[in-house]
PDB file of all heavy atoms in Angstrom:
ATOM      1  N   VAL A   1      16.285  19.149   7.210  1.00  0.00           N
ATOM      2  CA  VAL A   1      16.050  20.180   6.139  1.00  0.00           C
ATOM      3  C   VAL A   1      14.729  21.024   6.394  1.00  0.00           C
ATOM      4  O   VAL A   1      14.581  22.233   6.206  1.00  0.00           O
ATOM      5  CB  VAL A   1      16.040  19.659   4.730  1.00  0.00           C
ATOM      6  CG1 VAL A   1      15.638  20.706   3.642  1.00  0.00           C
ATOM      7  CG2 VAL A   1      17.363  19.130   4.452  1.00  0.00           C
ATOM      8  N   LEU A   2      13.646  20.315   6.772  1.00  0.00           N
ATOM      9  CA  LEU A   2      12.251  20.892   6.883  1.00  0.00           C
ATOM     10  C   LEU A   2      11.880  21.254   8.258  1.00  0.00           C
ATOM     11  O   LEU A   2      12.210  20.617   9.248  1.00  0.00           O
ATOM     12  CB  LEU A   2      11.199  19.934   6.263  1.00  0.00           C
ATOM     13  CG  LEU A   2      11.322  19.476   5.001  1.00  0.00           C
ATOM     14  CD1 LEU A   2      10.284  18.396   4.527  1.00  0.00           C
ATOM     15  CD2 LEU A   2      11.302  20.590   3.901  1.00  0.00           C
ATOM     16  N   GLY A   3      11.178  22.195   8.401  1.00  0.00           N
ATOM     17  CA  GLY A   3      10.603  22.673   9.539  1.00  0.00           C
ATOM     18  C   GLY A   3       9.367  21.690   9.925  1.00  0.00           C
ATOM     19  O   GLY A   3       8.903  20.827   9.197  1.00  0.00           O
ATOM     20  N   ARG A   4       8.885  21.866  11.206  1.00  0.00           N
ATOM     21  CA  ARG A   4       7.851  20.945  11.687  1.00  0.00           C
ATOM     22  C   ARG A   4       6.631  20.704  10.784  1.00  0.00           C
ATOM     23  O   ARG A   4       6.304  19.692  10.465  1.00  0.00           O
ATOM     24  CB  ARG A   4       7.470  21.408  13.092  1.00  0.00           C
ATOM     25  CG  ARG A   4       6.358  20.533  13.736  1.00  0.00           C
ATOM     26  CD  ARG A   4       5.967  21.202  15.009  1.00  0.00           C
ATOM     27  NE  ARG A   4       4.936  20.336  15.762  1.00  0.00           N
ATOM     28  CZ  ARG A   4       3.620  20.394  15.633  1.00  0.00           C
ATOM     29  NH1 ARG A   4       3.221  21.249  14.684  1.00  0.00           N
ATOM     30  NH2 ARG A   4       2.892  19.566  16.319  1.00  0.00           N
ATOM     31  N   ASP A   5       6.050  21.801  10.425  1.00  0.00           N
ATOM     32  CA  ASP A   5       4.880  21.834   9.662  1.00  0.00           C
ATOM     33  C   ASP A   5       5.047  21.175   8.193  1.00  0.00           C
ATOM     34  O   ASP A   5       4.278  20.405   7.829  1.00  0.00           O
ATOM     35  CB  ASP A   5       4.236  23.207   9.556  1.00  0.00           C
ATOM     36  CG  ASP A   5       3.632  23.686  10.875  1.00  0.00           C
ATOM     37  OD1 ASP A   5       3.439  22.822  11.816  1.00  0.00           O
ATOM     38  OD2 ASP A   5       3.360  24.865  10.922  1.00  0.00           O
ATOM     39  N   ASP A   6       6.183  21.513   7.583  1.00  0.00           N
ATOM     40  CA  ASP A   6       6.550  20.942   6.227  1.00  0.00           C
ATOM     41  C   ASP A   6       6.793  19.496   6.396  1.00  0.00           C
ATOM     42  O   ASP A   6       6.271  18.808   5.479  1.00  0.00           O
ATOM     43  CB  ASP A   6       7.708  21.698   5.662  1.00  0.00           C
ATOM     44  CG  ASP A   6       7.430  23.088   5.020  1.00  0.00           C
ATOM     45  OD1 ASP A   6       6.250  23.208   4.819  1.00  0.00           O
ATOM     46  OD2 ASP A   6       8.364  23.735   4.827  1.00  0.00           O
ATOM     47  N   ALA A   7       7.555  19.163   7.349  1.00  0.00           N
ATOM     48  CA  ALA A   7       7.752  17.640   7.588  1.00  0.00           C
ATOM     49  C   ALA A   7       6.401  16.910   7.805  1.00  0.00           C
ATOM     50  O   ALA A   7       6.221  15.765   7.203  1.00  0.00           O
ATOM     51  CB  ALA A   7       8.777  17.501   8.742  1.00  0.00           C
ATOM     52  N   LEU A   8       5.576  17.330   8.551  1.00  0.00           N
ATOM     53  CA  LEU A   8       4.308  16.749   8.770  1.00  0.00           C
ATOM     54  C   LEU A   8       3.457  16.642   7.538  1.00  0.00           C
ATOM     55  O   LEU A   8       2.742  15.692   7.268  1.00  0.00           O
ATOM     56  CB  LEU A   8       3.563  17.501   9.950  1.00  0.00           C
ATOM     57  CG  LEU A   8       4.070  17.375  11.326  1.00  0.00           C
ATOM     58  CD1 LEU A   8       3.346  18.331  12.372  1.00  0.00           C
ATOM     59  CD2 LEU A   8       4.083  15.845  11.797  1.00  0.00           C
ATOM     60  N   THR A   9       3.538  17.649   6.775  1.00  0.00           N
ATOM     61  CA  THR A   9       2.699  17.675   5.446  1.00  0.00           C
ATOM     62  C   THR A   9       3.230  16.588   4.458  1.00  0.00           C
ATOM     63  O   THR A   9       2.539  15.858   3.853  1.00  0.00           O
ATOM     64  CB  THR A   9       2.990  19.164   4.756  1.00  0.00           C
ATOM     65  OG1 THR A   9       2.385  20.146   5.528  1.00  0.00           O
ATOM     66  CG2 THR A   9       2.296  19.275   3.368  1.00  0.00           C
ATOM     67  N   VAL A  10       4.692  16.567   4.525  1.00  0.00           N
ATOM     68  CA  VAL A  10       5.300  15.515   3.568  1.00  0.00           C
ATOM     69  C   VAL A  10       4.965  14.105   4.062  1.00  0.00           C
ATOM     70  O   VAL A  10       4.528  13.181   3.244  1.00  0.00           O
ATOM     71  CB  VAL A  10       6.903  15.696   3.618  1.00  0.00           C
ATOM     72  CG1 VAL A  10       7.631  14.513   3.040  1.00  0.00           C
ATOM     73  CG2 VAL A  10       7.210  16.986   2.777  1.00  0.00           C
ATOM     74  N   LEU A  11       4.979  13.955   5.464  1.00  0.00           N
ATOM     75  CA  LEU A  11       4.609  12.562   6.006  1.00  0.00           C
ATOM     76  C   LEU A  11       3.111  12.276   5.732  1.00  0.00           C
ATOM     77  O   LEU A  11       2.830  11.124   5.449  1.00  0.00           O
ATOM     78  CB  LEU A  11       4.919  12.582   7.496  1.00  0.00           C
ATOM     79  CG  LEU A  11       6.328  12.488   7.811  1.00  0.00           C
ATOM     80  CD1 LEU A  11       6.702  12.845   9.231  1.00  0.00           C
ATOM     81  CD2 LEU A  11       6.973  11.076   7.413  1.00  0.00           C
ATOM     82  N   ASP A  12       2.107  13.303   5.939  1.00  0.00           N
ATOM     83  CA  ASP A  12       0.852  12.952   5.594  1.00  0.00           C
ATOM     84  C   ASP A  12       0.656  12.619   4.050  1.00  0.00           C
ATOM     85  O   ASP A  12      -0.166  11.666   3.770  1.00  0.00           O
ATOM     86  CB  ASP A  12       0.022  14.226   5.843  1.00  0.00           C
ATOM     87  CG  ASP A  12      -0.329  14.578   7.300  1.00  0.00           C
ATOM     88  OD1 ASP A  12      -0.256  13.469   8.112  1.00  0.00           O
ATOM     89  OD2 ASP A  12      -0.649  15.660   7.766  1.00  0.00           O
ATOM     90  N   ARG A  13       1.277  13.269   3.245  1.00  0.00           N
ATOM     91  CA  ARG A  13       1.282  12.987   1.718  1.00  0.00           C
ATOM     92  C   ARG A  13       1.766  11.539   1.487  1.00  0.00           C
ATOM     93  O   ARG A  13       1.152  10.775   0.847  1.00  0.00           O
ATOM     94  CB  ARG A  13       2.139  13.912   0.970  1.00  0.00           C
ATOM     95  CG  ARG A  13       2.027  13.670  -0.594  1.00  0.00           C
ATOM     96  CD  ARG A  13       3.142  14.453  -1.320  1.00  0.00           C
ATOM     97  NE  ARG A  13       4.388  14.142  -0.938  1.00  0.00           N
ATOM     98  CZ  ARG A  13       5.507  14.970  -0.918  1.00  0.00           C
ATOM     99  NH1 ARG A  13       5.162  16.159  -1.124  1.00  0.00           N
ATOM    100  NH2 ARG A  13       6.714  14.462  -0.497  1.00  0.00           N
ATOM    101  N   GLU A  14       2.870  11.213   2.159  1.00  0.00           N
ATOM    102  CA  GLU A  14       3.432   9.774   2.024  1.00  0.00           C
ATOM    103  C   GLU A  14       2.496   8.839   2.629  1.00  0.00           C
ATOM    104  O   GLU A  14       2.392   7.752   1.934  1.00  0.00           O
ATOM    105  CB  GLU A  14       4.842   9.708   2.676  1.00  0.00           C
ATOM    106  CG  GLU A  14       5.945  10.519   1.944  1.00  0.00           C
ATOM    107  CD  GLU A  14       5.971  10.210   0.498  1.00  0.00           C
ATOM    108  OE1 GLU A  14       6.292   9.116   0.143  1.00  0.00           O
ATOM    109  OE2 GLU A  14       5.845  11.119  -0.396  1.00  0.00           O
ATOM    110  N   MET A  15       1.982   8.979   3.710  1.00  0.00           N
ATOM    111  CA  MET A  15       0.918   8.084   4.195  1.00  0.00           C
ATOM    112  C   MET A  15      -0.303   7.911   3.342  1.00  0.00           C
ATOM    113  O   MET A  15      -0.675   6.807   3.203  1.00  0.00           O
ATOM    114  CB  MET A  15       0.389   8.575   5.611  1.00  0.00           C
ATOM    115  CG  MET A  15       1.497   8.436   6.817  1.00  0.00           C
ATOM    116  SD  MET A  15       0.870   8.805   8.397  1.00  0.00           S
ATOM    117  CE  MET A  15      -0.274   7.372   8.724  1.00  0.00           C
ATOM    118  N   GLY A  16      -0.701   8.829   2.700  1.00  0.00           N
ATOM    119  CA  GLY A  16      -1.734   8.707   1.697  1.00  0.00           C
ATOM    120  C   GLY A  16      -1.343   7.762   0.578  1.00  0.00           C
ATOM    121  O   GLY A  16      -2.099   6.898   0.044  1.00  0.00           O
ATOM    122  N   VAL A  17      -0.111   8.025   0.115  1.00  0.00           N
ATOM    123  CA  VAL A  17       0.346   7.126  -1.017  1.00  0.00           C
ATOM    124  C   VAL A  17       0.443   5.710  -0.475  1.00  0.00           C
ATOM    125  O   VAL A  17       0.020   4.768  -1.090  1.00  0.00           O
ATOM    126  CB  VAL A  17       1.757   7.600  -1.508  1.00  0.00           C
ATOM    127  CG1 VAL A  17       2.416   6.590  -2.376  1.00  0.00           C
ATOM    128  CG2 VAL A  17       1.533   9.094  -2.204  1.00  0.00           C
ATOM    129  N   TRP A  18       1.047   5.382   0.652  1.00  0.00           N
ATOM    130  CA  TRP A  18       1.197   4.083   1.238  1.00  0.00           C
ATOM    131  C   TRP A  18      -0.219   3.369   1.433  1.00  0.00           C
ATOM    132  O   TRP A  18      -0.396   2.170   1.228  1.00  0.00           O
ATOM    133  CB  TRP A  18       2.145   4.033   2.320  1.00  0.00           C
ATOM    134  CG  TRP A  18       3.653   4.457   1.959  1.00  0.00           C
ATOM    135  CD1 TRP A  18       4.228   4.075   0.852  1.00  0.00           C
ATOM    136  CD2 TRP A  18       4.395   5.204   2.670  1.00  0.00           C
ATOM    137  NE1 TRP A  18       5.535   4.700   0.919  1.00  0.00           N
ATOM    138  CE2 TRP A  18       5.653   5.354   1.941  1.00  0.00           C
ATOM    139  CE3 TRP A  18       4.378   5.881   4.020  1.00  0.00           C
ATOM    140  CZ2 TRP A  18       6.833   6.074   2.524  1.00  0.00           C
ATOM    141  CZ3 TRP A  18       5.452   6.581   4.465  1.00  0.00           C
ATOM    142  CH2 TRP A  18       6.660   6.590   3.614  1.00  0.00           C
ATOM    143  N   GLU A  19      -1.121   4.307   1.990  1.00  0.00           N
ATOM    144  CA  GLU A  19      -2.445   3.683   2.218  1.00  0.00           C
ATOM    145  C   GLU A  19      -3.090   3.238   0.898  1.00  0.00           C
ATOM    146  O   GLU A  19      -3.688   2.192   0.886  1.00  0.00           O
ATOM    147  CB  GLU A  19      -3.296   4.699   3.079  1.00  0.00           C
ATOM    148  CG  GLU A  19      -2.909   4.734   4.462  1.00  0.00           C
ATOM    149  CD  GLU A  19      -3.608   5.957   5.147  1.00  0.00           C
ATOM    150  OE1 GLU A  19      -4.120   6.862   4.465  1.00  0.00           O
ATOM    151  OE2 GLU A  19      -3.414   6.021   6.445  1.00  0.00           O
ATOM    152  N   ALA A  20      -2.866   4.140  -0.112  1.00  0.00           N
ATOM    153  CA  ALA A  20      -3.482   3.780  -1.314  1.00  0.00           C
ATOM    154  C   ALA A  20      -2.917   2.575  -2.013  1.00  0.00           C
ATOM    155  O   ALA A  20      -3.516   1.618  -2.572  1.00  0.00           O
ATOM    156  CB  ALA A  20      -3.503   5.001  -2.338  1.00  0.00           C
ATOM    157  N   ASN A  21      -1.472   2.495  -1.963  1.00  0.00           N
ATOM    158  CA  ASN A  21      -0.832   1.333  -2.514  1.00  0.00           C
ATOM    159  C   ASN A  21      -1.251   0.129  -1.703  1.00  0.00           C
ATOM    160  O   ASN A  21      -1.538  -0.948  -2.293  1.00  0.00           O
ATOM    161  CB  ASN A  21       0.694   1.463  -2.274  1.00  0.00           C
ATOM    162  CG  ASN A  21       1.284   2.461  -3.237  1.00  0.00           C
ATOM    163  OD1 ASN A  21       0.586   2.815  -4.204  1.00  0.00           O
ATOM    164  ND2 ASN A  21       2.498   2.937  -2.956  1.00  0.00           N
ATOM    165  N   ARG A  22      -1.372   0.140  -0.463  1.00  0.00           N
ATOM    166  CA  ARG A  22      -1.664  -0.954   0.424  1.00  0.00           C
ATOM    167  C   ARG A  22      -3.118  -1.460   0.004  1.00  0.00           C
ATOM    168  O   ARG A  22      -3.424  -2.677  -0.173  1.00  0.00           O
ATOM    169  CB  ARG A  22      -1.650  -0.752   1.770  1.00  0.00           C
ATOM    170  CG  ARG A  22      -2.013  -1.896   2.735  1.00  0.00           C
ATOM    171  CD  ARG A  22      -2.079  -1.663   4.167  1.00  0.00           C
ATOM    172  NE  ARG A  22      -3.085  -0.604   4.417  1.00  0.00           N
ATOM    173  CZ  ARG A  22      -3.137  -0.043   5.672  1.00  0.00           C
ATOM    174  NH1 ARG A  22      -2.593  -0.441   6.727  1.00  0.00           N
ATOM    175  NH2 ARG A  22      -4.141   0.793   5.772  1.00  0.00           N
ATOM    176  N   ALA A  23      -4.040  -0.592  -0.097  1.00  0.00           N
ATOM    177  CA  ALA A  23      -5.469  -0.901  -0.398  1.00  0.00           C
ATOM    178  C   ALA A  23      -5.538  -1.617  -1.858  1.00  0.00           C
ATOM    179  O   ALA A  23      -6.234  -2.509  -1.950  1.00  0.00           O
ATOM    180  CB  ALA A  23      -6.327   0.373  -0.421  1.00  0.00           C
ATOM    181  N   ALA A  24      -4.683  -1.057  -2.785  1.00  0.00           N
ATOM    182  CA  ALA A  24      -4.863  -1.562  -4.167  1.00  0.00           C
ATOM    183  C   ALA A  24      -4.090  -2.966  -4.027  1.00  0.00           C
ATOM    184  O   ALA A  24      -4.776  -3.961  -4.736  1.00  0.00           O
ATOM    185  CB  ALA A  24      -4.013  -0.753  -5.179  1.00  0.00           C
ATOM    186  N   LEU A  25      -3.065  -3.187  -3.388  1.00  0.00           N
ATOM    187  CA  LEU A  25      -2.492  -4.489  -3.393  1.00  0.00           C
ATOM    188  C   LEU A  25      -3.343  -5.537  -2.496  1.00  0.00           C
ATOM    189  O   LEU A  25      -3.565  -6.620  -3.048  1.00  0.00           O
ATOM    190  CB  LEU A  25      -1.110  -4.407  -2.536  1.00  0.00           C
ATOM    191  CG  LEU A  25      -0.106  -3.714  -3.401  1.00  0.00           C
ATOM    192  CD1 LEU A  25       1.178  -3.337  -2.528  1.00  0.00           C
ATOM    193  CD2 LEU A  25       0.424  -4.519  -4.568  1.00  0.00           C
ATOM    194  N   GLN A  26      -4.022  -5.077  -1.520  1.00  0.00           N
ATOM    195  CA  GLN A  26      -4.983  -5.878  -0.766  1.00  0.00           C
ATOM    196  C   GLN A  26      -6.159  -6.305  -1.662  1.00  0.00           C
ATOM    197  O   GLN A  26      -6.527  -7.481  -1.636  1.00  0.00           O
ATOM    198  CB  GLN A  26      -5.277  -5.253   0.510  1.00  0.00           C
ATOM    199  CG  GLN A  26      -6.162  -6.234   1.376  1.00  0.00           C
ATOM    200  CD  GLN A  26      -5.244  -7.432   1.818  1.00  0.00           C
ATOM    201  OE1 GLN A  26      -4.214  -7.250   2.464  1.00  0.00           O
ATOM    202  NE2 GLN A  26      -5.775  -8.491   1.649  1.00  0.00           N
ATOM    203  N   GLU A  27      -6.589  -5.320  -2.392  1.00  0.00           N
ATOM    204  CA  GLU A  27      -7.836  -5.679  -3.371  1.00  0.00           C
ATOM    205  C   GLU A  27      -7.206  -6.825  -4.304  1.00  0.00           C
ATOM    206  O   GLU A  27      -8.014  -7.703  -4.602  1.00  0.00           O
ATOM    207  CB  GLU A  27      -8.074  -4.328  -4.067  1.00  0.00           C
ATOM    208  CG  GLU A  27      -9.200  -4.695  -5.070  1.00  0.00           C
ATOM    209  CD  GLU A  27      -9.637  -3.387  -5.798  1.00  0.00           C
ATOM    210  OE1 GLU A  27      -9.394  -2.238  -5.302  1.00  0.00           O
ATOM    211  OE2 GLU A  27     -10.330  -3.486  -6.919  1.00  0.00           O
ATOM    212  N   GLY A  28      -6.055  -6.696  -4.838  1.00  0.00           N
ATOM    213  CA  GLY A  28      -5.627  -7.756  -5.844  1.00  0.00           C
ATOM    214  C   GLY A  28      -5.427  -9.026  -5.040  1.00  0.00           C
ATOM    215  O   GLY A  28      -5.775 -10.124  -5.587  1.00  0.00           O
ATOM    216  N   LEU A  29      -5.001  -9.037  -3.763  1.00  0.00           N
ATOM    217  CA  LEU A  29      -4.939 -10.260  -3.032  1.00  0.00           C
ATOM    218  C   LEU A  29      -6.270 -10.952  -2.817  1.00  0.00           C
ATOM    219  O   LEU A  29      -6.482 -12.099  -2.957  1.00  0.00           O
ATOM    220  CB  LEU A  29      -4.212  -9.994  -1.711  1.00  0.00           C
ATOM    221  CG  LEU A  29      -2.747 -10.063  -1.644  1.00  0.00           C
ATOM    222  CD1 LEU A  29      -2.099  -9.772  -0.205  1.00  0.00           C
ATOM    223  CD2 LEU A  29      -2.199 -11.419  -2.227  1.00  0.00           C
ATOM    224  N   ASP A  30      -7.269 -10.039  -2.444  1.00  0.00           N
ATOM    225  CA  ASP A  30      -8.644 -10.446  -2.155  1.00  0.00           C
ATOM    226  C   ASP A  30      -9.189 -11.071  -3.484  1.00  0.00           C
ATOM    227  O   ASP A  30      -9.955 -12.187  -3.401  1.00  0.00           O
ATOM    228  CB  ASP A  30      -9.551  -9.385  -1.730  1.00  0.00           C
ATOM    229  CG  ASP A  30      -9.098  -8.775  -0.373  1.00  0.00           C
ATOM    230  OD1 ASP A  30      -8.376  -9.436   0.424  1.00  0.00           O
ATOM    231  OD2 ASP A  30      -9.437  -7.659  -0.017  1.00  0.00           O
ATOM    232  N   LYS A  31      -8.857 -10.577  -4.644  1.00  0.00           N
ATOM    233  CA  LYS A  31      -9.458 -11.214  -5.891  1.00  0.00           C
ATOM    234  C   LYS A  31      -8.767 -12.407  -6.187  1.00  0.00           C
ATOM    235  O   LYS A  31      -9.317 -13.342  -6.799  1.00  0.00           O
ATOM    236  CB  LYS A  31      -9.101 -10.099  -7.016  1.00  0.00           C
ATOM    237  CG  LYS A  31     -10.126  -9.003  -7.031  1.00  0.00           C
ATOM    238  CD  LYS A  31      -9.777  -7.980  -8.176  1.00  0.00           C
ATOM    239  CE  LYS A  31     -10.719  -6.811  -8.123  1.00  0.00           C
ATOM    240  NZ  LYS A  31     -10.390  -5.892  -9.160  1.00  0.00           N
ATOM    241  N   ALA A  32      -7.603 -12.488  -5.783  1.00  0.00           N
ATOM    242  CA  ALA A  32      -6.702 -13.750  -6.102  1.00  0.00           C
ATOM    243  C   ALA A  32      -7.118 -14.996  -5.195  1.00  0.00           C
ATOM    244  O   ALA A  32      -6.928 -16.099  -5.527  1.00  0.00           O
ATOM    245  CB  ALA A  32      -5.162 -13.406  -5.928  1.00  0.00           C
ATOM    246  N   GLU A  33      -7.664 -14.578  -3.952  1.00  0.00           N
ATOM    247  CA  GLU A  33      -7.988 -15.634  -2.897  1.00  0.00           C
ATOM    248  C   GLU A  33      -9.015 -16.580  -3.622  1.00  0.00           C
ATOM    249  O   GLU A  33     -10.036 -16.270  -3.995  1.00  0.00           O
ATOM    250  CB  GLU A  33      -8.649 -15.003  -1.626  1.00  0.00           C
ATOM    251  CG  GLU A  33      -8.709 -15.995  -0.545  1.00  0.00           C
ATOM    252  CD  GLU A  33      -9.115 -15.348   0.695  1.00  0.00           C
ATOM    253  OE1 GLU A  33      -8.815 -14.145   0.853  1.00  0.00           O
ATOM    254  OE2 GLU A  33      -9.757 -15.937   1.519  1.00  0.00           O
ATOM    255  N   GLY A  34      -8.647 -17.830  -3.545  1.00  0.00           N
ATOM    256  CA  GLY A  34      -9.530 -18.920  -4.018  1.00  0.00           C
ATOM    257  C   GLY A  34      -9.326 -19.184  -5.447  1.00  0.00           C
ATOM    258  O   GLY A  34      -9.719 -20.262  -5.995  1.00  0.00           O
ATOM    259  N   THR A  35      -8.674 -18.270  -6.209  1.00  0.00           N
ATOM    260  CA  THR A  35      -8.464 -18.691  -7.649  1.00  0.00           C
ATOM    261  C   THR A  35      -7.058 -18.920  -7.903  1.00  0.00           C
ATOM    262  O   THR A  35      -6.643 -19.475  -8.854  1.00  0.00           O
ATOM    263  CB  THR A  35      -8.826 -17.381  -8.565  1.00  0.00           C
ATOM    264  OG1 THR A  35      -8.114 -16.277  -8.161  1.00  0.00           O
ATOM    265  CG2 THR A  35     -10.350 -17.063  -8.435  1.00  0.00           C
ATOM    266  N   MET A  36      -6.076 -18.486  -6.922  1.00  0.00           N
ATOM    267  CA  MET A  36      -4.682 -18.750  -7.150  1.00  0.00           C
ATOM    268  C   MET A  36      -4.074 -19.499  -5.960  1.00  0.00           C
ATOM    269  O   MET A  36      -4.646 -19.174  -4.908  1.00  0.00           O
ATOM    270  CB  MET A  36      -3.842 -17.514  -7.235  1.00  0.00           C
ATOM    271  CG  MET A  36      -4.139 -16.718  -8.602  1.00  0.00           C
ATOM    272  SD  MET A  36      -3.133 -15.147  -8.508  1.00  0.00           S
ATOM    273  CE  MET A  36      -3.353 -14.535 -10.150  1.00  0.00           C
ATOM    274  N   PRO A  37      -3.257 -20.453  -6.131  1.00  0.00           N
ATOM    275  CA  PRO A  37      -2.521 -21.118  -4.958  1.00  0.00           C
ATOM    276  C   PRO A  37      -1.812 -20.080  -4.097  1.00  0.00           C
ATOM    277  O   PRO A  37      -1.388 -19.097  -4.589  1.00  0.00           O
ATOM    278  CB  PRO A  37      -1.641 -22.135  -5.644  1.00  0.00           C
ATOM    279  CG  PRO A  37      -1.460 -21.720  -6.979  1.00  0.00           C
ATOM    280  CD  PRO A  37      -2.576 -20.815  -7.441  1.00  0.00           C
ATOM    281  N   PRO A  38      -1.654 -20.389  -2.798  1.00  0.00           N
ATOM    282  CA  PRO A  38      -1.036 -19.449  -1.877  1.00  0.00           C
ATOM    283  C   PRO A  38       0.484 -19.120  -2.221  1.00  0.00           C
ATOM    284  O   PRO A  38       0.974 -18.177  -1.614  1.00  0.00           O
ATOM    285  CB  PRO A  38      -1.257 -20.004  -0.490  1.00  0.00           C
ATOM    286  CG  PRO A  38      -1.662 -21.319  -0.740  1.00  0.00           C
ATOM    287  CD  PRO A  38      -2.298 -21.438  -2.180  1.00  0.00           C
ATOM    288  N   ASP A  39       1.019 -20.171  -2.905  1.00  0.00           N
ATOM    289  CA  ASP A  39       2.407 -19.980  -3.223  1.00  0.00           C
ATOM    290  C   ASP A  39       2.588 -19.334  -4.685  1.00  0.00           C
ATOM    291  O   ASP A  39       3.806 -19.401  -5.259  1.00  0.00           O
ATOM    292  CB  ASP A  39       3.237 -21.205  -3.068  1.00  0.00           C
ATOM    293  CG  ASP A  39       2.804 -22.292  -4.007  1.00  0.00           C
ATOM    294  OD1 ASP A  39       1.797 -22.203  -4.580  1.00  0.00           O
ATOM    295  OD2 ASP A  39       3.528 -23.315  -4.145  1.00  0.00           O
ATOM    296  N   ASP A  40       1.528 -18.822  -5.387  1.00  0.00           N
ATOM    297  CA  ASP A  40       1.740 -18.299  -6.701  1.00  0.00           C
ATOM    298  C   ASP A  40       2.591 -17.068  -6.666  1.00  0.00           C
ATOM    299  O   ASP A  40       2.467 -16.233  -5.549  1.00  0.00           O
ATOM    300  CB  ASP A  40       0.265 -17.872  -7.155  1.00  0.00           C
ATOM    301  CG  ASP A  40       0.362 -17.200  -8.598  1.00  0.00           C
ATOM    302  OD1 ASP A  40       0.257 -17.976  -9.574  1.00  0.00           O
ATOM    303  OD2 ASP A  40       0.521 -15.885  -8.708  1.00  0.00           O
ATOM    304  N   PRO A  41       3.473 -16.713  -7.520  1.00  0.00           N
ATOM    305  CA  PRO A  41       4.392 -15.698  -7.442  1.00  0.00           C
ATOM    306  C   PRO A  41       3.738 -14.294  -7.285  1.00  0.00           C
ATOM    307  O   PRO A  41       4.144 -13.500  -6.633  1.00  0.00           O
ATOM    308  CB  PRO A  41       5.134 -15.603  -8.882  1.00  0.00           C
ATOM    309  CG  PRO A  41       5.013 -17.172  -9.273  1.00  0.00           C
ATOM    310  CD  PRO A  41       3.768 -17.637  -8.694  1.00  0.00           C
ATOM    311  N   TYR A  42       2.470 -14.212  -7.855  1.00  0.00           N
ATOM    312  CA  TYR A  42       1.752 -12.954  -7.774  1.00  0.00           C
ATOM    313  C   TYR A  42       1.341 -12.805  -6.307  1.00  0.00           C
ATOM    314  O   TYR A  42       1.472 -11.699  -5.680  1.00  0.00           O
ATOM    315  CB  TYR A  42       0.603 -12.797  -8.592  1.00  0.00           C
ATOM    316  CG  TYR A  42      -0.398 -11.729  -8.388  1.00  0.00           C
ATOM    317  CD1 TYR A  42      -0.033 -10.497  -8.869  1.00  0.00           C
ATOM    318  CD2 TYR A  42      -1.471 -11.888  -7.609  1.00  0.00           C
ATOM    319  CE1 TYR A  42      -0.961  -9.366  -8.767  1.00  0.00           C
ATOM    320  CE2 TYR A  42      -2.291 -10.812  -7.369  1.00  0.00           C
ATOM    321  CZ  TYR A  42      -1.993  -9.519  -7.844  1.00  0.00           C
ATOM    322  OH  TYR A  42      -2.755  -8.470  -7.632  1.00  0.00           O
ATOM    323  N   VAL A  43       0.858 -13.842  -5.782  1.00  0.00           N
ATOM    324  CA  VAL A  43       0.375 -13.796  -4.312  1.00  0.00           C
ATOM    325  C   VAL A  43       1.487 -13.448  -3.354  1.00  0.00           C
ATOM    326  O   VAL A  43       1.441 -12.612  -2.495  1.00  0.00           O
ATOM    327  CB  VAL A  43      -0.368 -15.149  -3.958  1.00  0.00           C
ATOM    328  CG1 VAL A  43      -0.729 -15.212  -2.440  1.00  0.00           C
ATOM    329  CG2 VAL A  43      -1.546 -15.189  -4.839  1.00  0.00           C
ATOM    330  N   LEU A  44       2.654 -14.189  -3.578  1.00  0.00           N
ATOM    331  CA  LEU A  44       3.845 -13.940  -2.657  1.00  0.00           C
ATOM    332  C   LEU A  44       4.399 -12.531  -2.836  1.00  0.00           C
ATOM    333  O   LEU A  44       4.633 -11.905  -1.790  1.00  0.00           O
ATOM    334  CB  LEU A  44       4.941 -14.965  -3.018  1.00  0.00           C
ATOM    335  CG  LEU A  44       4.555 -16.452  -2.736  1.00  0.00           C
ATOM    336  CD1 LEU A  44       5.726 -17.286  -3.310  1.00  0.00           C
ATOM    337  CD2 LEU A  44       4.207 -16.731  -1.352  1.00  0.00           C
TER     338      LEU A  44
END
C-alpha cells in the first residue's frame, strides 16, 4: 500500500515504540533482579 518513504516512516515509528517498550520492560527486570525469584510470573 505504501510507497518507499512512507513505509520507512512507519517502520521508524514502530522501531521507536518497540525500543521504548523494550527499555521499559528491561528497567522492570533490572529492578526485579535480586528481589524476585527468576521463575516469578512477572519476571517470566
